[in-house]
Amino acid sequence: MEALKHTMTEMMSLFENRMSNFEAELHNNPEPGTPVSKDSLVSDLKSFKKFILKALECLQKQVDLLALGLDNLEMRGRRKMVLLHGVTEQAKEDTALVITEVVRCHLKLTDFTVGNIRRCHRMGRQAGTNKPRPILCKFQDVHIRDSI
């Protein structure tokens, strides 16, 4: 993040310097009505265009790096999660107890307890259908998730 700030500061100062030099050249004409030479305007425009394209390319690379970093953080945060489908749903259920029973009975992990679950809940709104909503469960440890 510090590198991003440094790059942005460099680009801003370079842009301000180039623009102030360009404005100074425009104001230093011998007579107010005398136009600036076409060649100098063309060369200034080309260098300005090159600078802007380079700045945009740099910003795009930094946005891509930030997006990649955010994606990595999100994936790391989901490392301990499991989405369970097909678990029967009942009114006013304690999903942690439901998950514990499913893991103990169906997966034969007898040492699994409610304490192994950090949080869990049903996904979505309750619909009028008989189809149970999936349960999103985050475990205390990634090893527990892996064993399930």
C-alpha atoms as a PDB file:
ATOM      1  CA  MET A   1       0.000   0.000   0.000  1.00  0.00           C
ATOM      2  CA  GLU A   2       2.915   2.282   0.750  1.00  0.00           C
ATOM      3  CA  ALA A   3       4.307   1.642  -2.737  1.00  0.00           C
ATOM      4  CA  LEU A   4       0.951   2.626  -4.221  1.00  0.00           C
ATOM      5  CA  LYS A   5       0.958   5.913  -2.300  1.00  0.00           C
ATOM      6  CA  HIS A   6       4.546   6.595  -3.356  1.00  0.00           C
ATOM      7  CA  THR A   7       3.781   5.921  -7.027  1.00  0.00           C
ATOM      8  CA  MET A   8       0.705   8.131  -6.941  1.00  0.00           C
ATOM      9  CA  THR A   9       2.697  10.953  -5.311  1.00  0.00           C
ATOM     10  CA  GLU A  10       5.410  10.653  -7.970  1.00  0.00           C
ATOM     11  CA  MET A  11       2.884  10.715 -10.789  1.00  0.00           C
ATOM     12  CA  MET A  12       1.074  13.727  -9.333  1.00  0.00           C
ATOM     13  CA  SER A  13       4.277  15.717  -8.896  1.00  0.00           C
ATOM     14  CA  LEU A  14       5.465  14.814 -12.395  1.00  0.00           C
ATOM     15  CA  PHE A  15       2.108  15.809 -13.842  1.00  0.00           C
ATOM     16  CA  GLU A  16       2.101  19.132 -11.952  1.00  0.00           C
ATOM     17  CA  ASN A  17       5.674  19.896 -13.079  1.00  0.00           C
ATOM     18  CA  ARG A  18       4.909  19.124 -16.716  1.00  0.00           C
ATOM     19  CA  MET A  19       1.740  21.193 -16.668  1.00  0.00           C
ATOM     20  CA  SER A  20       3.431  24.159 -14.969  1.00  0.00           C
ATOM     21  CA  ASN A  21       6.269  24.036 -17.539  1.00  0.00           C
ATOM     22  CA  PHE A  22       3.740  23.931 -20.352  1.00  0.00           C
ATOM     23  CA  GLU A  23       1.812  26.879 -18.888  1.00  0.00           C
ATOM     24  CA  ALA A  24       5.055  28.821 -18.421  1.00  0.00           C
ATOM     25  CA  GLU A  25       5.929  28.291 -22.083  1.00  0.00           C
ATOM     26  CA  LEU A  26       2.506  29.509 -23.110  1.00  0.00           C
ATOM     27  CA  HIS A  27       2.839  32.666 -20.979  1.00  0.00           C
ATOM     28  CA  ASN A  28       6.395  33.432 -22.164  1.00  0.00           C
ATOM     29  CA  ASN A  29       5.337  34.300 -25.715  1.00  0.00           C
ATOM     30  CA  PRO A  30       6.912  37.572 -26.900  1.00  0.00           C
ATOM     31  CA  GLU A  31       3.571  39.066 -27.867  1.00  0.00           C
ATOM     32  CA  PRO A  32       0.165  38.115 -26.485  1.00  0.00           C
ATOM     33  CA  GLY A  33      -1.315  37.562 -29.934  1.00  0.00           C
ATOM     34  CA  THR A  34       1.570  35.449 -31.218  1.00  0.00           C
ATOM     35  CA  PRO A  35       0.605  31.779 -31.397  1.00  0.00           C
ATOM     36  CA  VAL A  36       2.848  29.085 -29.977  1.00  0.00           C
ATOM     37  CA  SER A  37       4.637  27.082 -32.659  1.00  0.00           C
ATOM     38  CA  LYS A  38       2.742  24.094 -33.902  1.00  0.00           C
ATOM     39  CA  ASP A  39       5.754  21.797 -33.533  1.00  0.00           C
ATOM     40  CA  SER A  40       6.181  22.545 -29.841  1.00  0.00           C
ATOM     41  CA  LEU A  41       2.464  21.977 -29.194  1.00  0.00           C
ATOM     42  CA  VAL A  42       2.554  18.669 -31.053  1.00  0.00           C
ATOM     43  CA  SER A  43       5.613  17.473 -29.142  1.00  0.00           C
ATOM     44  CA  ASP A  44       4.091  18.585 -25.825  1.00  0.00           C
ATOM     45  CA  LEU A  45       0.837  16.840 -26.668  1.00  0.00           C
ATOM     46  CA  LYS A  46       2.667  13.631 -27.590  1.00  0.00           C
ATOM     47  CA  SER A  47       4.683  13.635 -24.372  1.00  0.00           C
ATOM     48  CA  PHE A  48       1.569  14.429 -22.338  1.00  0.00           C
ATOM     49  CA  LYS A  49      -0.343  11.606 -24.038  1.00  0.00           C
ATOM     50  CA  LYS A  50       2.546   9.208 -23.391  1.00  0.00           C
ATOM     51  CA  PHE A  51       2.653  10.241 -19.730  1.00  0.00           C
ATOM     52  CA  ILE A  52      -1.117   9.799 -19.270  1.00  0.00           C
ATOM     53  CA  LEU A  53      -1.104   6.369 -20.936  1.00  0.00           C
ATOM     54  CA  LYS A  54       1.824   5.265 -18.773  1.00  0.00           C
ATOM     55  CA  ALA A  55       0.059   6.566 -15.650  1.00  0.00           C
ATOM     56  CA  LEU A  56      -3.159   4.732 -16.560  1.00  0.00           C
ATOM     57  CA  GLU A  57      -1.229   1.526 -17.233  1.00  0.00           C
ATOM     58  CA  CYS A  58       0.476   1.839 -13.859  1.00  0.00           C
ATOM     59  CA  LEU A  59      -2.840   2.446 -12.110  1.00  0.00           C
ATOM     60  CA  GLN A  60      -4.395  -0.562 -13.854  1.00  0.00           C
ATOM     61  CA  LYS A  61      -1.534  -2.796 -12.694  1.00  0.00           C
ATOM     62  CA  GLN A  62      -1.967  -1.547  -9.141  1.00  0.00           C
ATOM     63  CA  VAL A  63      -5.736  -2.128  -9.237  1.00  0.00           C
ATOM     64  CA  ASP A  64      -5.095  -5.656 -10.507  1.00  0.00           C
ATOM     65  CA  LEU A  65      -2.627  -6.295  -7.667  1.00  0.00           C
ATOM     66  CA  LEU A  66      -5.072  -4.949  -5.089  1.00  0.00           C
ATOM     67  CA  ALA A  67      -7.875  -7.116  -6.500  1.00  0.00           C
ATOM     68  CA  LEU A  68      -5.611 -10.164  -6.337  1.00  0.00           C
ATOM     69  CA  GLY A  69      -4.677  -9.365  -2.737  1.00  0.00           C
ATOM     70  CA  LEU A  70      -8.337  -8.911  -1.788  1.00  0.00           C
ATOM     71  CA  ASP A  71      -9.217 -12.200  -3.441  1.00  0.00           C
ATOM     72  CA  ASN A  72      -6.455 -13.960  -1.480  1.00  0.00           C
ATOM     73  CA  LEU A  73      -7.732 -12.466   1.786  1.00  0.00           C
ATOM     74  CA  GLU A  74     -11.291 -13.565   1.029  1.00  0.00           C
ATOM     75  CA  MET A  75     -10.152 -17.086   0.192  1.00  0.00           C
ATOM     76  CA  ARG A  76      -8.127 -17.265   3.395  1.00  0.00           C
ATOM     77  CA  GLY A  77     -11.188 -16.159   5.373  1.00  0.00           C
ATOM     78  CA  ARG A  78     -13.287 -18.924   3.805  1.00  0.00           C
ATOM     79  CA  ARG A  79     -10.717 -21.612   4.519  1.00  0.00           C
ATOM     80  CA  LYS A  80     -12.532 -22.915   7.594  1.00  0.00           C
ATOM     81  CA  MET A  81     -16.016 -22.915   6.032  1.00  0.00           C
ATOM     82  CA  VAL A  82     -18.236 -25.653   4.658  1.00  0.00           C
ATOM     83  CA  LEU A  83     -21.638 -25.400   2.994  1.00  0.00           C
ATOM     84  CA  LEU A  84     -23.822 -28.393   3.870  1.00  0.00           C
ATOM     85  CA  HIS A  85     -26.812 -29.278   1.695  1.00  0.00           C
ATOM     86  CA  GLY A  86     -29.666 -31.681   2.329  1.00  0.00           C
ATOM     87  CA  VAL A  87     -29.806 -31.381   6.128  1.00  0.00           C
ATOM     88  CA  THR A  88     -33.456 -31.475   7.167  1.00  0.00           C
ATOM     89  CA  GLU A  89     -34.773 -28.185   8.492  1.00  0.00           C
ATOM     90  CA  GLN A  90     -36.997 -27.758  11.510  1.00  0.00           C
ATOM     91  CA  ALA A  91     -38.641 -24.727  13.068  1.00  0.00           C
ATOM     92  CA  LYS A  92     -36.580 -22.935  15.741  1.00  0.00           C
ATOM     93  CA  GLU A  93     -33.617 -25.260  15.362  1.00  0.00           C
ATOM     94  CA  ASP A  94     -30.152 -24.747  16.823  1.00  0.00           C
ATOM     95  CA  THR A  95     -28.013 -25.180  13.722  1.00  0.00           C
ATOM     96  CA  ALA A  96     -24.868 -25.871  15.753  1.00  0.00           C
ATOM     97  CA  LEU A  97     -26.572 -28.847  17.421  1.00  0.00           C
ATOM     98  CA  VAL A  98     -27.951 -30.008  14.074  1.00  0.00           C
ATOM     99  CA  ILE A  99     -24.461 -29.919  12.512  1.00  0.00           C
ATOM    100  CA  THR A 100     -22.972 -31.711  15.507  1.00  0.00           C
ATOM    101  CA  GLU A 101     -25.524 -34.530  15.221  1.00  0.00           C
ATOM    102  CA  VAL A 102     -25.041 -34.854  11.460  1.00  0.00           C
ATOM    103  CA  VAL A 103     -21.255 -35.072  11.817  1.00  0.00           C
ATOM    104  CA  ARG A 104     -21.443 -37.560  14.680  1.00  0.00           C
ATOM    105  CA  CYS A 105     -24.067 -39.830  13.103  1.00  0.00           C
ATOM    106  CA  HIS A 106     -23.329 -39.707   9.391  1.00  0.00           C
ATOM    107  CA  LEU A 107     -19.580 -39.096   9.373  1.00  0.00           C
ATOM    108  CA  LYS A 108     -18.785 -41.161  12.486  1.00  0.00           C
ATOM    109  CA  LEU A 109     -16.639 -38.444  14.096  1.00  0.00           C
ATOM    110  CA  THR A 110     -17.588 -39.146  17.705  1.00  0.00           C
ATOM    111  CA  ASP A 111     -15.201 -36.570  19.220  1.00  0.00           C
ATOM    112  CA  PHE A 112     -16.854 -33.674  17.315  1.00  0.00           C
ATOM    113  CA  THR A 113     -18.591 -31.176  19.628  1.00  0.00           C
ATOM    114  CA  VAL A 114     -20.465 -27.887  19.380  1.00  0.00           C
ATOM    115  CA  GLY A 115     -17.237 -26.232  20.574  1.00  0.00           C
ATOM    116  CA  ASN A 116     -15.630 -27.118  17.237  1.00  0.00           C
ATOM    117  CA  ILE A 117     -18.047 -24.753  15.480  1.00  0.00           C
ATOM    118  CA  ARG A 118     -17.297 -21.048  15.461  1.00  0.00           C
ATOM    119  CA  ARG A 119     -20.630 -20.078  13.855  1.00  0.00           C
ATOM    120  CA  CYS A 120     -23.248 -21.529  11.549  1.00  0.00           C
ATOM    121  CA  HIS A 121     -26.577 -20.560  10.054  1.00  0.00           C
ATOM    122  CA  ARG A 122     -29.018 -21.429   7.305  1.00  0.00           C
ATOM    123  CA  MET A 123     -28.564 -19.572   4.019  1.00  0.00           C
ATOM    124  CA  GLY A 124     -31.335 -17.528   2.435  1.00  0.00           C
ATOM    125  CA  ARG A 125     -34.921 -16.945   3.410  1.00  0.00           C
ATOM    126  CA  GLN A 126     -37.306 -19.622   4.486  1.00  0.00           C
ATOM    127  CA  ALA A 127     -39.497 -20.506   1.522  1.00  0.00           C
ATOM    128  CA  GLY A 128     -42.769 -22.350   1.382  1.00  0.00           C
ATOM    129  CA  THR A 129     -41.107 -25.353  -0.235  1.00  0.00           C
ATOM    130  CA  ASN A 130     -40.087 -28.486   1.603  1.00  0.00           C
ATOM    131  CA  LYS A 131     -36.527 -28.189   0.306  1.00  0.00           C
ATOM    132  CA  PRO A 132     -34.137 -27.509   3.225  1.00  0.00           C
ATOM    133  CA  ARG A 133     -31.882 -24.475   3.013  1.00  0.00           C
ATOM    134  CA  PRO A 134     -28.118 -25.139   3.049  1.00  0.00           C
ATOM    135  CA  ILE A 135     -26.162 -24.507   6.247  1.00  0.00           C
ATOM    136  CA  LEU A 136     -23.021 -22.391   6.176  1.00  0.00           C
ATOM    137  CA  CYS A 137     -20.675 -23.510   8.915  1.00  0.00           C
ATOM    138  CA  LYS A 138     -17.359 -22.034  10.022  1.00  0.00           C
ATOM    139  CA  PHE A 139     -15.210 -24.252  12.203  1.00  0.00           C
ATOM    140  CA  GLN A 140     -12.683 -23.320  14.878  1.00  0.00           C
ATOM    141  CA  ASP A 141      -9.821 -24.932  12.991  1.00  0.00           C
ATOM    142  CA  VAL A 142      -9.068 -25.800   9.387  1.00  0.00           C
ATOM    143  CA  HIS A 143      -8.092 -29.341  10.468  1.00  0.00           C
ATOM    144  CA  ILE A 144     -11.647 -29.918  11.676  1.00  0.00           C
ATOM    145  CA  ARG A 145     -12.990 -28.735   8.336  1.00  0.00           C
ATOM    146  CA  ASP A 146     -10.574 -31.045   6.540  1.00  0.00           C
ATOM    147  CA  SER A 147     -11.649 -34.042   8.601  1.00  0.00           C
ATOM    148  CA  ILE A 148     -15.278 -33.389   7.671  1.00  0.00           C
END
